[in-house]
C-alpha cells in the first residue's frame, strides 16, 4: 500500500515538474483554427478541471476520451447541456449512446456541438465622410457532428473513437456593389472531417485507471489563402477512488482523484487536477485546477443523482472564473435507462 502511494505521488510530482518546465515560456507554439473544438462542454468534466482522460463517462465521454463510454451501464444514455461562454458566446451540446446486448457489440454514440456567436454589424469601405457603409448584420456559427464507437477488448482494456464533421461559418459578407448598385456577397465558411481516438486501461489495483486520448486529428485546412490545422490535443491521465485506500463505506462516500497531462498543438504542456466527492451516490461536489493557463485556472461544480424505476437522472452545474472576462457557467441534464 505504502509503495503504491509513493509511486502515485511520484507520478503526480513528475507531471507537475514536467509542465512547470514548459510554463517558463508562455508563448504560443502554433496557430490553429476552429478553436471551438477545444472548449469543454460537460459541466462535470469542466468542474474537475478537465482531468477526465481516465474517468468513466456516460455518452459525454465522446467529447473527451471516447473509450470511457465503453462501460456505460444500461441500454441508453442521453445528455444535453449548454455553456454560457465569454463574450456572450453560447454553446449547446447533445450526446446519445446505445449499448446493445450488454456491450457484446460495443457502444455506439452520437454527438452534436453547436455555437452561437451572436450577430455582428457588417460594413464595407466607401468613399464617403465616414469611410464606410453599413451593409446589415451577419451571424457566425460553428457545428460539430460526430459518430462514435467504443468497446472493451478485455476486462482491463477498452478502445474508442469518433469521426466527426466540423464546420465554421463567418456568415455571408458584402464585398462590393455591381454597376446597378446591387450588393455582391460571398459566403465565408470552412469544413473538414476530424477524428478522435482513446484508450482506457484498468490496472487491477483497486480502482486505478489510466487513459489516453488524441482529439481533433485532421488534414491541414485552407481558408482563402491561409493554411491552418485543427487544435490537435494529446492527453494522458490517471484516476482512482481515494477511499479505496482506506476503510470507509464506499456506498456512503467516494472521492475520485484525477490527474491529466496535456500536449496541445498551440500551447505549452499543461497539467489538470480534478476532485469529485459523492455522498450516498446522490450529492456531488467537484473542484479542479489547471496550469499553466492564460485566464481560467480554478473550476468548481455540483451535481445531483437520482434513480427511479430503472431510469437514472442527473443534473450538473460547472463554474469557471475567467479572469478579466465574464465567468463561464455550464449546466447539463443526463438521462439513462
C-alpha atoms as a PDB file:
ATOM      1  CA  UNK A   1       0.000   0.000   0.000  1.00  0.00           C
ATOM      2  CA  UNK A   2       2.714   2.474   1.016  1.00  0.00           C
ATOM      3  CA  UNK A   3       4.709   1.564  -2.076  1.00  0.00           C
ATOM      4  CA  UNK A   4       1.735   2.271  -4.337  1.00  0.00           C
ATOM      5  CA  UNK A   5       1.020   5.621  -2.686  1.00  0.00           C
ATOM      6  CA  UNK A   6       4.675   6.582  -3.112  1.00  0.00           C
ATOM      7  CA  UNK A   7       4.569   5.691  -6.810  1.00  0.00           C
ATOM      8  CA  UNK A   8       1.335   7.633  -7.275  1.00  0.00           C
ATOM      9  CA  UNK A   9       2.758  10.719  -5.604  1.00  0.00           C
ATOM     10  CA  UNK A  10       5.938  10.419  -7.657  1.00  0.00           C
ATOM     11  CA  UNK A  11       3.933  10.364 -10.883  1.00  0.00           C
ATOM     12  CA  UNK A  12       1.962  13.436  -9.853  1.00  0.00           C
ATOM     13  CA  UNK A  13       5.116  15.337  -8.882  1.00  0.00           C
ATOM     14  CA  UNK A  14       6.811  14.328 -12.138  1.00  0.00           C
ATOM     15  CA  UNK A  15       3.826  15.571 -14.145  1.00  0.00           C
ATOM     16  CA  UNK A  16       3.845  18.874 -12.269  1.00  0.00           C
ATOM     17  CA  UNK A  17       7.584  19.398 -12.776  1.00  0.00           C
ATOM     18  CA  UNK A  18       7.311  18.409 -16.431  1.00  0.00           C
ATOM     19  CA  UNK A  19       4.605  21.006 -17.002  1.00  0.00           C
ATOM     20  CA  UNK A  20       6.357  23.686 -14.959  1.00  0.00           C
ATOM     21  CA  UNK A  21       9.493  23.431 -17.084  1.00  0.00           C
ATOM     22  CA  UNK A  22       7.448  24.496 -20.077  1.00  0.00           C
ATOM     23  CA  UNK A  23       5.484  27.116 -18.159  1.00  0.00           C
ATOM     24  CA  UNK A  24       8.554  29.362 -18.123  1.00  0.00           C
ATOM     25  CA  UNK A  25       7.884  30.203 -21.757  1.00  0.00           C
ATOM     26  CA  UNK A  26       4.220  31.130 -22.009  1.00  0.00           C
ATOM     27  CA  UNK A  27       4.424  31.567 -25.761  1.00  0.00           C
ATOM     28  CA  UNK A  28       2.074  30.124 -28.312  1.00  0.00           C
ATOM     29  CA  UNK A  29       3.631  27.235 -30.202  1.00  0.00           C
ATOM     30  CA  UNK A  30       1.488  27.252 -33.341  1.00  0.00           C
ATOM     31  CA  UNK A  31      -1.666  28.738 -34.764  1.00  0.00           C
ATOM     32  CA  UNK A  32      -4.814  26.626 -35.022  1.00  0.00           C
ATOM     33  CA  UNK A  33      -8.314  27.205 -36.318  1.00  0.00           C
ATOM     34  CA  UNK A  34     -11.825  26.110 -35.332  1.00  0.00           C
ATOM     35  CA  UNK A  35     -10.914  26.688 -31.689  1.00  0.00           C
ATOM     36  CA  UNK A  36     -14.475  25.994 -30.607  1.00  0.00           C
ATOM     37  CA  UNK A  37     -13.424  22.322 -30.668  1.00  0.00           C
ATOM     38  CA  UNK A  38     -11.186  22.980 -27.643  1.00  0.00           C
ATOM     39  CA  UNK A  39     -13.921  24.364 -25.381  1.00  0.00           C
ATOM     40  CA  UNK A  40     -15.039  21.943 -22.670  1.00  0.00           C
ATOM     41  CA  UNK A  41     -18.797  21.320 -22.827  1.00  0.00           C
ATOM     42  CA  UNK A  42     -19.677  18.942 -19.985  1.00  0.00           C
ATOM     43  CA  UNK A  43     -20.187  20.609 -16.540  1.00  0.00           C
ATOM     44  CA  UNK A  44     -18.879  17.567 -14.697  1.00  0.00           C
ATOM     45  CA  UNK A  45     -15.657  17.424 -16.714  1.00  0.00           C
ATOM     46  CA  UNK A  46     -15.029  21.163 -16.653  1.00  0.00           C
ATOM     47  CA  UNK A  47     -15.679  21.333 -12.894  1.00  0.00           C
ATOM     48  CA  UNK A  48     -12.961  18.688 -12.446  1.00  0.00           C
ATOM     49  CA  UNK A  49     -10.528  20.838 -14.395  1.00  0.00           C
ATOM     50  CA  UNK A  50     -10.956  18.605 -17.477  1.00  0.00           C
ATOM     51  CA  UNK A  51      -8.829  15.924 -15.782  1.00  0.00           C
ATOM     52  CA  UNK A  52     -11.074  13.192 -17.174  1.00  0.00           C
ATOM     53  CA  UNK A  53      -8.961  11.118 -19.582  1.00  0.00           C
ATOM     54  CA  UNK A  54      -9.167   8.133 -17.205  1.00  0.00           C
ATOM     55  CA  UNK A  55     -12.611   8.840 -15.715  1.00  0.00           C
ATOM     56  CA  UNK A  56     -15.563   6.621 -16.655  1.00  0.00           C
ATOM     57  CA  UNK A  57     -18.256   8.508 -18.550  1.00  0.00           C
ATOM     58  CA  UNK A  58     -21.693   8.067 -19.997  1.00  0.00           C
ATOM     59  CA  UNK A  59     -22.326   9.297 -23.549  1.00  0.00           C
ATOM     60  CA  UNK A  60     -20.435  12.544 -22.828  1.00  0.00           C
ATOM     61  CA  UNK A  61     -17.212  10.530 -22.984  1.00  0.00           C
ATOM     62  CA  UNK A  62     -17.360  11.091 -26.743  1.00  0.00           C
ATOM     63  CA  UNK A  63     -16.335  14.697 -26.130  1.00  0.00           C
ATOM     64  CA  UNK A  64     -13.191  13.781 -24.159  1.00  0.00           C
ATOM     65  CA  UNK A  65     -11.988  10.183 -24.375  1.00  0.00           C
ATOM     66  CA  UNK A  66     -14.430   8.072 -26.421  1.00  0.00           C
ATOM     67  CA  UNK A  67     -13.149   4.805 -24.903  1.00  0.00           C
ATOM     68  CA  UNK A  68     -14.541   5.802 -21.480  1.00  0.00           C
ATOM     69  CA  UNK A  69     -18.128   5.199 -22.580  1.00  0.00           C
ATOM     70  CA  UNK A  70     -17.364   1.511 -23.264  1.00  0.00           C
ATOM     71  CA  UNK A  71     -18.508   0.561 -19.756  1.00  0.00           C
ATOM     72  CA  UNK A  72     -21.693   2.565 -19.850  1.00  0.00           C
ATOM     73  CA  UNK A  73     -24.363   0.959 -17.701  1.00  0.00           C
ATOM     74  CA  UNK A  74     -27.824   0.424 -19.104  1.00  0.00           C
ATOM     75  CA  UNK A  75     -29.202   0.363 -22.622  1.00  0.00           C
ATOM     76  CA  UNK A  76     -29.463   4.049 -23.492  1.00  0.00           C
ATOM     77  CA  UNK A  77     -27.935   7.314 -22.315  1.00  0.00           C
ATOM     78  CA  UNK A  78     -28.681  10.894 -23.338  1.00  0.00           C
ATOM     79  CA  UNK A  79     -27.098  14.176 -22.230  1.00  0.00           C
ATOM     80  CA  UNK A  80     -27.947  17.732 -23.144  1.00  0.00           C
ATOM     81  CA  UNK A  81     -26.168  20.838 -21.925  1.00  0.00           C
ATOM     82  CA  UNK A  82     -25.427  24.469 -22.521  1.00  0.00           C
ATOM     83  CA  UNK A  83     -22.395  26.661 -21.869  1.00  0.00           C
ATOM     84  CA  UNK A  84     -22.525  30.398 -21.414  1.00  0.00           C
ATOM     85  CA  UNK A  85     -19.082  31.268 -22.730  1.00  0.00           C
ATOM     86  CA  UNK A  86     -17.194  34.566 -22.680  1.00  0.00           C
ATOM     87  CA  UNK A  87     -18.182  37.492 -24.939  1.00  0.00           C
ATOM     88  CA  UNK A  88     -21.840  36.379 -24.994  1.00  0.00           C
ATOM     89  CA  UNK A  89     -20.966  33.270 -26.994  1.00  0.00           C
ATOM     90  CA  UNK A  90     -23.306  30.367 -26.327  1.00  0.00           C
ATOM     91  CA  UNK A  91     -22.639  26.659 -26.815  1.00  0.00           C
ATOM     92  CA  UNK A  92     -25.103  23.801 -26.766  1.00  0.00           C
ATOM     93  CA  UNK A  93     -24.310  20.104 -26.972  1.00  0.00           C
ATOM     94  CA  UNK A  94     -26.098  16.808 -27.045  1.00  0.00           C
ATOM     95  CA  UNK A  95     -24.772  13.256 -26.813  1.00  0.00           C
ATOM     96  CA  UNK A  96     -26.524   9.924 -27.037  1.00  0.00           C
ATOM     97  CA  UNK A  97     -25.202   6.388 -26.665  1.00  0.00           C
ATOM     98  CA  UNK A  98     -26.710   2.960 -27.278  1.00  0.00           C
ATOM     99  CA  UNK A  99     -25.380  -0.120 -25.515  1.00  0.00           C
ATOM    100  CA  UNK A 100     -26.710  -3.177 -27.355  1.00  0.00           C
ATOM    101  CA  UNK A 101     -26.618  -6.720 -25.949  1.00  0.00           C
ATOM    102  CA  UNK A 102     -24.846  -5.697 -22.722  1.00  0.00           C
ATOM    103  CA  UNK A 103     -21.899  -4.323 -24.627  1.00  0.00           C
ATOM    104  CA  UNK A 104     -21.166  -7.505 -26.598  1.00  0.00           C
ATOM    105  CA  UNK A 105     -21.077  -5.416 -29.754  1.00  0.00           C
ATOM    106  CA  UNK A 106     -19.723  -2.264 -28.172  1.00  0.00           C
ATOM    107  CA  UNK A 107     -21.349   1.101 -27.517  1.00  0.00           C
ATOM    108  CA  UNK A 108     -22.450   3.382 -30.361  1.00  0.00           C
ATOM    109  CA  UNK A 109     -22.764   7.124 -29.869  1.00  0.00           C
ATOM    110  CA  UNK A 110     -23.789  10.383 -31.498  1.00  0.00           C
ATOM    111  CA  UNK A 111     -22.646  13.872 -30.553  1.00  0.00           C
ATOM    112  CA  UNK A 112     -23.604  17.378 -31.570  1.00  0.00           C
ATOM    113  CA  UNK A 113     -21.952  20.668 -30.618  1.00  0.00           C
ATOM    114  CA  UNK A 114     -23.297  23.982 -31.925  1.00  0.00           C
ATOM    115  CA  UNK A 115     -22.040  27.516 -31.328  1.00  0.00           C
ATOM    116  CA  UNK A 116     -23.967  30.788 -31.499  1.00  0.00           C
ATOM    117  CA  UNK A 117     -21.620  33.787 -31.731  1.00  0.00           C
ATOM    118  CA  UNK A 118     -24.439  36.333 -31.956  1.00  0.00           C
ATOM    119  CA  UNK A 119     -24.930  38.999 -34.606  1.00  0.00           C
ATOM    120  CA  UNK A 120     -22.297  41.437 -35.837  1.00  0.00           C
ATOM    121  CA  UNK A 121     -22.602  44.686 -37.771  1.00  0.00           C
ATOM    122  CA  UNK A 122     -21.254  44.435 -41.298  1.00  0.00           C
ATOM    123  CA  UNK A 123     -19.546  47.348 -43.045  1.00  0.00           C
ATOM    124  CA  UNK A 124     -17.695  47.967 -46.275  1.00  0.00           C
ATOM    125  CA  UNK A 125     -15.129  50.605 -47.205  1.00  0.00           C
ATOM    126  CA  UNK A 126     -16.748  53.530 -49.025  1.00  0.00           C
ATOM    127  CA  UNK A 127     -15.575  56.937 -50.364  1.00  0.00           C
ATOM    128  CA  UNK A 128     -17.805  58.978 -48.025  1.00  0.00           C
ATOM    129  CA  UNK A 129     -17.216  61.139 -44.961  1.00  0.00           C
ATOM    130  CA  UNK A 130     -17.440  58.120 -42.618  1.00  0.00           C
ATOM    131  CA  UNK A 131     -15.219  55.977 -44.786  1.00  0.00           C
ATOM    132  CA  UNK A 132     -17.644  53.025 -44.662  1.00  0.00           C
ATOM    133  CA  UNK A 133     -21.193  51.914 -45.401  1.00  0.00           C
ATOM    134  CA  UNK A 134     -23.448  49.882 -43.128  1.00  0.00           C
ATOM    135  CA  UNK A 135     -24.440  46.709 -45.040  1.00  0.00           C
ATOM    136  CA  UNK A 136     -26.528  44.960 -42.393  1.00  0.00           C
ATOM    137  CA  UNK A 137     -25.623  42.187 -39.998  1.00  0.00           C
ATOM    138  CA  UNK A 138     -24.038  38.757 -40.252  1.00  0.00           C
ATOM    139  CA  UNK A 139     -24.121  35.803 -37.876  1.00  0.00           C
ATOM    140  CA  UNK A 140     -21.143  33.416 -37.497  1.00  0.00           C
ATOM    141  CA  UNK A 141     -21.887  29.827 -36.466  1.00  0.00           C
ATOM    142  CA  UNK A 142     -20.000  26.609 -35.846  1.00  0.00           C
ATOM    143  CA  UNK A 143     -21.030  22.976 -35.604  1.00  0.00           C
ATOM    144  CA  UNK A 144     -19.532  19.565 -34.918  1.00  0.00           C
ATOM    145  CA  UNK A 145     -21.467  16.371 -35.632  1.00  0.00           C
ATOM    146  CA  UNK A 146     -19.854  13.107 -34.561  1.00  0.00           C
ATOM    147  CA  UNK A 147     -20.357   9.353 -34.708  1.00  0.00           C
ATOM    148  CA  UNK A 148     -18.557   7.343 -32.037  1.00  0.00           C
ATOM    149  CA  UNK A 149     -17.875   3.766 -31.045  1.00  0.00           C
ATOM    150  CA  UNK A 150     -16.246   2.176 -28.004  1.00  0.00           C
ATOM    151  CA  UNK A 151     -15.686  -1.428 -26.960  1.00  0.00           C
ATOM    152  CA  UNK A 152     -13.988  -3.481 -24.281  1.00  0.00           C
ATOM    153  CA  UNK A 153     -11.261  -5.680 -25.730  1.00  0.00           C
ATOM    154  CA  UNK A 154     -10.799  -7.330 -22.339  1.00  0.00           C
ATOM    155  CA  UNK A 155     -11.785  -6.772 -18.726  1.00  0.00           C
ATOM    156  CA  UNK A 156      -8.943  -4.290 -18.398  1.00  0.00           C
ATOM    157  CA  UNK A 157      -8.578  -2.660 -21.799  1.00  0.00           C
ATOM    158  CA  UNK A 158     -11.016  -0.518 -23.819  1.00  0.00           C
ATOM    159  CA  UNK A 159     -10.680   1.493 -27.002  1.00  0.00           C
ATOM    160  CA  UNK A 160     -12.883   4.045 -28.705  1.00  0.00           C
ATOM    161  CA  UNK A 161     -13.016   6.579 -31.495  1.00  0.00           C
ATOM    162  CA  UNK A 162     -15.070   9.294 -33.142  1.00  0.00           C
ATOM    163  CA  UNK A 163     -15.368  10.521 -36.669  1.00  0.00           C
ATOM    164  CA  UNK A 164     -16.905  13.971 -36.887  1.00  0.00           C
ATOM    165  CA  UNK A 165     -17.850  16.589 -39.409  1.00  0.00           C
ATOM    166  CA  UNK A 166     -16.844  20.084 -38.317  1.00  0.00           C
ATOM    167  CA  UNK A 167     -17.796  23.365 -39.921  1.00  0.00           C
ATOM    168  CA  UNK A 168     -17.364  27.027 -39.086  1.00  0.00           C
ATOM    169  CA  UNK A 169     -19.110  29.800 -40.976  1.00  0.00           C
ATOM    170  CA  UNK A 170     -18.385  33.505 -40.700  1.00  0.00           C
ATOM    171  CA  UNK A 171     -21.673  34.252 -42.424  1.00  0.00           C
ATOM    172  CA  UNK A 172     -22.334  36.000 -45.705  1.00  0.00           C
ATOM    173  CA  UNK A 173     -20.283  39.138 -46.289  1.00  0.00           C
ATOM    174  CA  UNK A 174     -20.912  42.022 -48.673  1.00  0.00           C
ATOM    175  CA  UNK A 175     -17.724  42.601 -50.674  1.00  0.00           C
ATOM    176  CA  UNK A 176     -18.913  45.307 -53.052  1.00  0.00           C
ATOM    177  CA  UNK A 177     -21.615  46.567 -55.401  1.00  0.00           C
ATOM    178  CA  UNK A 178     -22.274  45.933 -59.062  1.00  0.00           C
ATOM    179  CA  UNK A 179     -22.961  48.584 -61.709  1.00  0.00           C
ATOM    180  CA  UNK A 180     -26.627  48.704 -60.726  1.00  0.00           C
ATOM    181  CA  UNK A 181     -25.889  49.234 -57.061  1.00  0.00           C
ATOM    182  CA  UNK A 182     -26.796  45.715 -56.017  1.00  0.00           C
ATOM    183  CA  UNK A 183     -24.773  44.071 -53.261  1.00  0.00           C
ATOM    184  CA  UNK A 184     -22.161  41.470 -54.193  1.00  0.00           C
ATOM    185  CA  UNK A 185     -21.954  38.857 -51.443  1.00  0.00           C
ATOM    186  CA  UNK A 186     -19.819  35.834 -50.695  1.00  0.00           C
ATOM    187  CA  UNK A 187     -20.075  33.081 -48.141  1.00  0.00           C
ATOM    188  CA  UNK A 188     -17.173  32.524 -45.778  1.00  0.00           C
ATOM    189  CA  UNK A 189     -17.014  29.008 -44.360  1.00  0.00           C
ATOM    190  CA  UNK A 190     -14.654  26.081 -43.936  1.00  0.00           C
ATOM    191  CA  UNK A 191     -15.386  22.445 -43.100  1.00  0.00           C
ATOM    192  CA  UNK A 192     -13.493  19.188 -42.582  1.00  0.00           C
ATOM    193  CA  UNK A 193     -13.606  15.650 -41.257  1.00  0.00           C
ATOM    194  CA  UNK A 194     -11.809  15.110 -37.937  1.00  0.00           C
ATOM    195  CA  UNK A 195     -11.065  12.096 -35.769  1.00  0.00           C
ATOM    196  CA  UNK A 196     -10.708  11.328 -32.059  1.00  0.00           C
ATOM    197  CA  UNK A 197      -9.106   8.231 -30.528  1.00  0.00           C
ATOM    198  CA  UNK A 198      -8.849   6.987 -26.972  1.00  0.00           C
ATOM    199  CA  UNK A 199      -7.862   4.055 -24.765  1.00  0.00           C
ATOM    200  CA  UNK A 200      -8.711   3.153 -21.163  1.00  0.00           C
ATOM    201  CA  UNK A 201      -6.786   0.700 -19.003  1.00  0.00           C
ATOM    202  CA  UNK A 202      -7.847  -0.755 -15.646  1.00  0.00           C
ATOM    203  CA  UNK A 203      -4.697  -1.632 -13.751  1.00  0.00           C
ATOM    204  CA  UNK A 204      -6.396  -4.170 -11.491  1.00  0.00           C
ATOM    205  CA  UNK A 205      -5.198  -2.313  -8.386  1.00  0.00           C
ATOM    206  CA  UNK A 206      -8.307  -1.009  -6.639  1.00  0.00           C
ATOM    207  CA  UNK A 207      -9.991   1.492  -8.986  1.00  0.00           C
ATOM    208  CA  UNK A 208      -6.795   2.859 -10.529  1.00  0.00           C
ATOM    209  CA  UNK A 209      -7.294   3.638 -14.227  1.00  0.00           C
ATOM    210  CA  UNK A 210      -5.079   5.041 -16.943  1.00  0.00           C
ATOM    211  CA  UNK A 211      -6.427   6.790 -20.028  1.00  0.00           C
ATOM    212  CA  UNK A 212      -5.134   8.418 -23.180  1.00  0.00           C
ATOM    213  CA  UNK A 213      -6.804  10.398 -25.937  1.00  0.00           C
ATOM    214  CA  UNK A 214      -5.961  12.185 -29.176  1.00  0.00           C
ATOM    215  CA  UNK A 215      -8.572  14.695 -30.297  1.00  0.00           C
ATOM    216  CA  UNK A 216      -9.160  16.716 -33.477  1.00  0.00           C
ATOM    217  CA  UNK A 217      -6.834  14.817 -35.786  1.00  0.00           C
ATOM    218  CA  UNK A 218      -7.304  16.108 -39.322  1.00  0.00           C
ATOM    219  CA  UNK A 219      -5.543  17.077 -42.504  1.00  0.00           C
ATOM    220  CA  UNK A 220      -4.437  20.687 -42.927  1.00  0.00           C
ATOM    221  CA  UNK A 221      -7.249  23.057 -43.901  1.00  0.00           C
ATOM    222  CA  UNK A 222      -7.112  26.121 -46.097  1.00  0.00           C
ATOM    223  CA  UNK A 223      -9.226  29.247 -45.792  1.00  0.00           C
ATOM    224  CA  UNK A 224      -8.811  31.750 -48.614  1.00  0.00           C
ATOM    225  CA  UNK A 225      -5.019  31.798 -48.987  1.00  0.00           C
ATOM    226  CA  UNK A 226      -4.063  30.703 -45.478  1.00  0.00           C
ATOM    227  CA  UNK A 227      -3.497  27.124 -44.318  1.00  0.00           C
ATOM    228  CA  UNK A 228      -4.034  26.028 -40.717  1.00  0.00           C
ATOM    229  CA  UNK A 229      -4.518  22.981 -38.511  1.00  0.00           C
ATOM    230  CA  UNK A 230      -7.268  21.955 -36.118  1.00  0.00           C
ATOM    231  CA  UNK A 231      -6.472  22.196 -32.365  1.00  0.00           C
ATOM    232  CA  UNK A 232      -4.933  18.733 -32.097  1.00  0.00           C
ATOM    233  CA  UNK A 233      -4.571  17.708 -28.428  1.00  0.00           C
ATOM    234  CA  UNK A 234      -2.893  14.708 -26.825  1.00  0.00           C
ATOM    235  CA  UNK A 235      -3.821  13.882 -23.210  1.00  0.00           C
ATOM    236  CA  UNK A 236      -2.810  11.146 -20.805  1.00  0.00           C
ATOM    237  CA  UNK A 237      -4.081  10.716 -17.284  1.00  0.00           C
ATOM    238  CA  UNK A 238      -4.988   8.530 -14.356  1.00  0.00           C
ATOM    239  CA  UNK A 239      -7.789   8.359 -11.801  1.00  0.00           C
ATOM    240  CA  UNK A 240      -8.615   6.497  -8.607  1.00  0.00           C
ATOM    241  CA  UNK A 241     -11.246   6.500  -5.886  1.00  0.00           C
ATOM    242  CA  UNK A 242      -9.043   7.621  -2.977  1.00  0.00           C
ATOM    243  CA  UNK A 243     -11.378   5.999  -0.460  1.00  0.00           C
ATOM    244  CA  UNK A 244     -10.366   2.608  -1.871  1.00  0.00           C
ATOM    245  CA  UNK A 245      -7.135   3.090   0.073  1.00  0.00           C
ATOM    246  CA  UNK A 246      -8.863   3.460   3.453  1.00  0.00           C
ATOM    247  CA  UNK A 247     -11.551   1.577   5.330  1.00  0.00           C
ATOM    248  CA  UNK A 248     -14.725   3.529   4.668  1.00  0.00           C
ATOM    249  CA  UNK A 249     -18.216   2.702   3.452  1.00  0.00           C
ATOM    250  CA  UNK A 250     -17.902   3.428  -0.258  1.00  0.00           C
ATOM    251  CA  UNK A 251     -21.696   3.285  -0.666  1.00  0.00           C
ATOM    252  CA  UNK A 252     -21.815   6.388   1.523  1.00  0.00           C
ATOM    253  CA  UNK A 253     -18.697   8.225   0.353  1.00  0.00           C
ATOM    254  CA  UNK A 254     -16.426   8.292  -2.664  1.00  0.00           C
ATOM    255  CA  UNK A 255     -13.607  10.634  -3.619  1.00  0.00           C
ATOM    256  CA  UNK A 256     -12.429  10.468  -7.198  1.00  0.00           C
ATOM    257  CA  UNK A 257      -8.957  11.918  -7.759  1.00  0.00           C
ATOM    258  CA  UNK A 258      -7.766  12.507 -11.321  1.00  0.00           C
ATOM    259  CA  UNK A 259      -4.625  13.916 -12.928  1.00  0.00           C
ATOM    260  CA  UNK A 260      -4.110  14.652 -16.630  1.00  0.00           C
ATOM    261  CA  UNK A 261      -1.140  15.911 -18.629  1.00  0.00           C
ATOM    262  CA  UNK A 262      -1.871  17.550 -21.961  1.00  0.00           C
ATOM    263  CA  UNK A 263       0.157  18.413 -25.042  1.00  0.00           C
ATOM    264  CA  UNK A 264      -1.879  20.798 -27.234  1.00  0.00           C
ATOM    265  CA  UNK A 265      -0.669  21.988 -30.600  1.00  0.00           C
ATOM    266  CA  UNK A 266      -0.994  25.687 -29.801  1.00  0.00           C
ATOM    267  CA  UNK A 267       0.137  25.925 -26.173  1.00  0.00           C
ATOM    268  CA  UNK A 268       2.852  24.599 -23.860  1.00  0.00           C
ATOM    269  CA  UNK A 269       2.253  21.381 -21.940  1.00  0.00           C
ATOM    270  CA  UNK A 270      -0.409  21.627 -19.237  1.00  0.00           C
ATOM    271  CA  UNK A 271      -1.441  19.724 -16.101  1.00  0.00           C
ATOM    272  CA  UNK A 272      -5.053  19.250 -14.984  1.00  0.00           C
ATOM    273  CA  UNK A 273      -6.081  18.210 -11.471  1.00  0.00           C
ATOM    274  CA  UNK A 274      -9.599  17.151 -10.522  1.00  0.00           C
ATOM    275  CA  UNK A 275     -11.597  16.000  -7.490  1.00  0.00           C
ATOM    276  CA  UNK A 276     -15.119  14.614  -7.248  1.00  0.00           C
ATOM    277  CA  UNK A 277     -16.716  13.836  -3.871  1.00  0.00           C
ATOM    278  CA  UNK A 278     -20.016  11.937  -3.876  1.00  0.00           C
ATOM    279  CA  UNK A 279     -22.269  11.436  -0.855  1.00  0.00           C
ATOM    280  CA  UNK A 280     -24.672   8.466  -0.849  1.00  0.00           C
ATOM    281  CA  UNK A 281     -24.445   8.237  -4.659  1.00  0.00           C
ATOM    282  CA  UNK A 282     -26.650  11.326  -4.777  1.00  0.00           C
ATOM    283  CA  UNK A 283     -24.998  14.651  -3.985  1.00  0.00           C
ATOM    284  CA  UNK A 284     -21.751  15.540  -5.760  1.00  0.00           C
ATOM    285  CA  UNK A 285     -19.167  18.283  -5.204  1.00  0.00           C
ATOM    286  CA  UNK A 286     -16.329  18.900  -7.645  1.00  0.00           C
ATOM    287  CA  UNK A 287     -13.228  21.011  -7.981  1.00  0.00           C
ATOM    288  CA  UNK A 288     -10.411  21.361 -10.469  1.00  0.00           C
ATOM    289  CA  UNK A 289      -7.245  23.272 -11.265  1.00  0.00           C
ATOM    290  CA  UNK A 290      -5.279  23.621 -14.499  1.00  0.00           C
ATOM    291  CA  UNK A 291      -1.925  25.230 -15.249  1.00  0.00           C
ATOM    292  CA  UNK A 292      -0.327  26.993 -16.975  1.00  0.00           C
ATOM    293  CA  UNK A 293      -3.313  28.928 -18.350  1.00  0.00           C
ATOM    294  CA  UNK A 294      -3.802  32.483 -19.603  1.00  0.00           C
ATOM    295  CA  UNK A 295      -7.006  33.140 -17.655  1.00  0.00           C
ATOM    296  CA  UNK A 296      -9.005  30.131 -16.481  1.00  0.00           C
ATOM    297  CA  UNK A 297      -7.334  28.028 -13.779  1.00  0.00           C
ATOM    298  CA  UNK A 298      -9.723  27.127 -10.950  1.00  0.00           C
ATOM    299  CA  UNK A 299     -13.113  25.491 -11.529  1.00  0.00           C
ATOM    300  CA  UNK A 300     -15.872  24.041  -9.358  1.00  0.00           C
ATOM    301  CA  UNK A 301     -19.288  22.472  -9.623  1.00  0.00           C
ATOM    302  CA  UNK A 302     -22.097  20.453  -8.063  1.00  0.00           C
ATOM    303  CA  UNK A 303     -24.309  17.629  -9.212  1.00  0.00           C
ATOM    304  CA  UNK A 304     -27.383  15.655  -8.219  1.00  0.00           C
ATOM    305  CA  UNK A 305     -28.050  11.978  -8.993  1.00  0.00           C
ATOM    306  CA  UNK A 306     -31.366  10.124  -8.689  1.00  0.00           C
ATOM    307  CA  UNK A 307     -32.718   6.780  -9.894  1.00  0.00           C
ATOM    308  CA  UNK A 308     -36.404   5.963 -10.318  1.00  0.00           C
ATOM    309  CA  UNK A 309     -37.784   2.752 -11.830  1.00  0.00           C
ATOM    310  CA  UNK A 310     -34.536   1.892 -13.664  1.00  0.00           C
ATOM    311  CA  UNK A 311     -34.309   5.405 -15.072  1.00  0.00           C
ATOM    312  CA  UNK A 312     -31.325   7.461 -13.935  1.00  0.00           C
ATOM    313  CA  UNK A 313     -31.450  11.241 -13.785  1.00  0.00           C
ATOM    314  CA  UNK A 314     -28.584  13.651 -13.243  1.00  0.00           C
ATOM    315  CA  UNK A 315     -28.256  17.416 -13.205  1.00  0.00           C
ATOM    316  CA  UNK A 316     -24.792  19.021 -13.186  1.00  0.00           C
ATOM    317  CA  UNK A 317     -23.519  22.569 -12.910  1.00  0.00           C
ATOM    318  CA  UNK A 318     -19.995  23.849 -13.551  1.00  0.00           C
ATOM    319  CA  UNK A 319     -18.468  27.246 -12.792  1.00  0.00           C
ATOM    320  CA  UNK A 320     -15.188  28.633 -14.130  1.00  0.00           C
ATOM    321  CA  UNK A 321     -13.835  32.106 -13.286  1.00  0.00           C
ATOM    322  CA  UNK A 322     -12.281  33.575 -16.416  1.00  0.00           C
ATOM    323  CA  UNK A 323     -10.063  36.407 -15.267  1.00  0.00           C
ATOM    324  CA  UNK A 324     -10.817  39.703 -16.986  1.00  0.00           C
ATOM    325  CA  UNK A 325     -13.648  38.076 -18.956  1.00  0.00           C
ATOM    326  CA  UNK A 326     -17.108  37.001 -17.845  1.00  0.00           C
ATOM    327  CA  UNK A 327     -17.391  33.932 -15.621  1.00  0.00           C
ATOM    328  CA  UNK A 328     -18.320  30.771 -17.506  1.00  0.00           C
ATOM    329  CA  UNK A 329     -21.404  28.780 -16.474  1.00  0.00           C
ATOM    330  CA  UNK A 330     -22.309  25.282 -17.656  1.00  0.00           C
ATOM    331  CA  UNK A 331     -25.386  23.172 -16.938  1.00  0.00           C
ATOM    332  CA  UNK A 332     -26.499  19.774 -18.214  1.00  0.00           C
ATOM    333  CA  UNK A 333     -29.170  17.118 -17.841  1.00  0.00           C
ATOM    334  CA  UNK A 334     -28.455  13.416 -18.209  1.00  0.00           C
ATOM    335  CA  UNK A 335     -30.971  10.576 -18.560  1.00  0.00           C
ATOM    336  CA  UNK A 336     -30.031   6.916 -18.665  1.00  0.00           C
ATOM    337  CA  UNK A 337     -32.047   3.712 -18.906  1.00  0.00           C
END
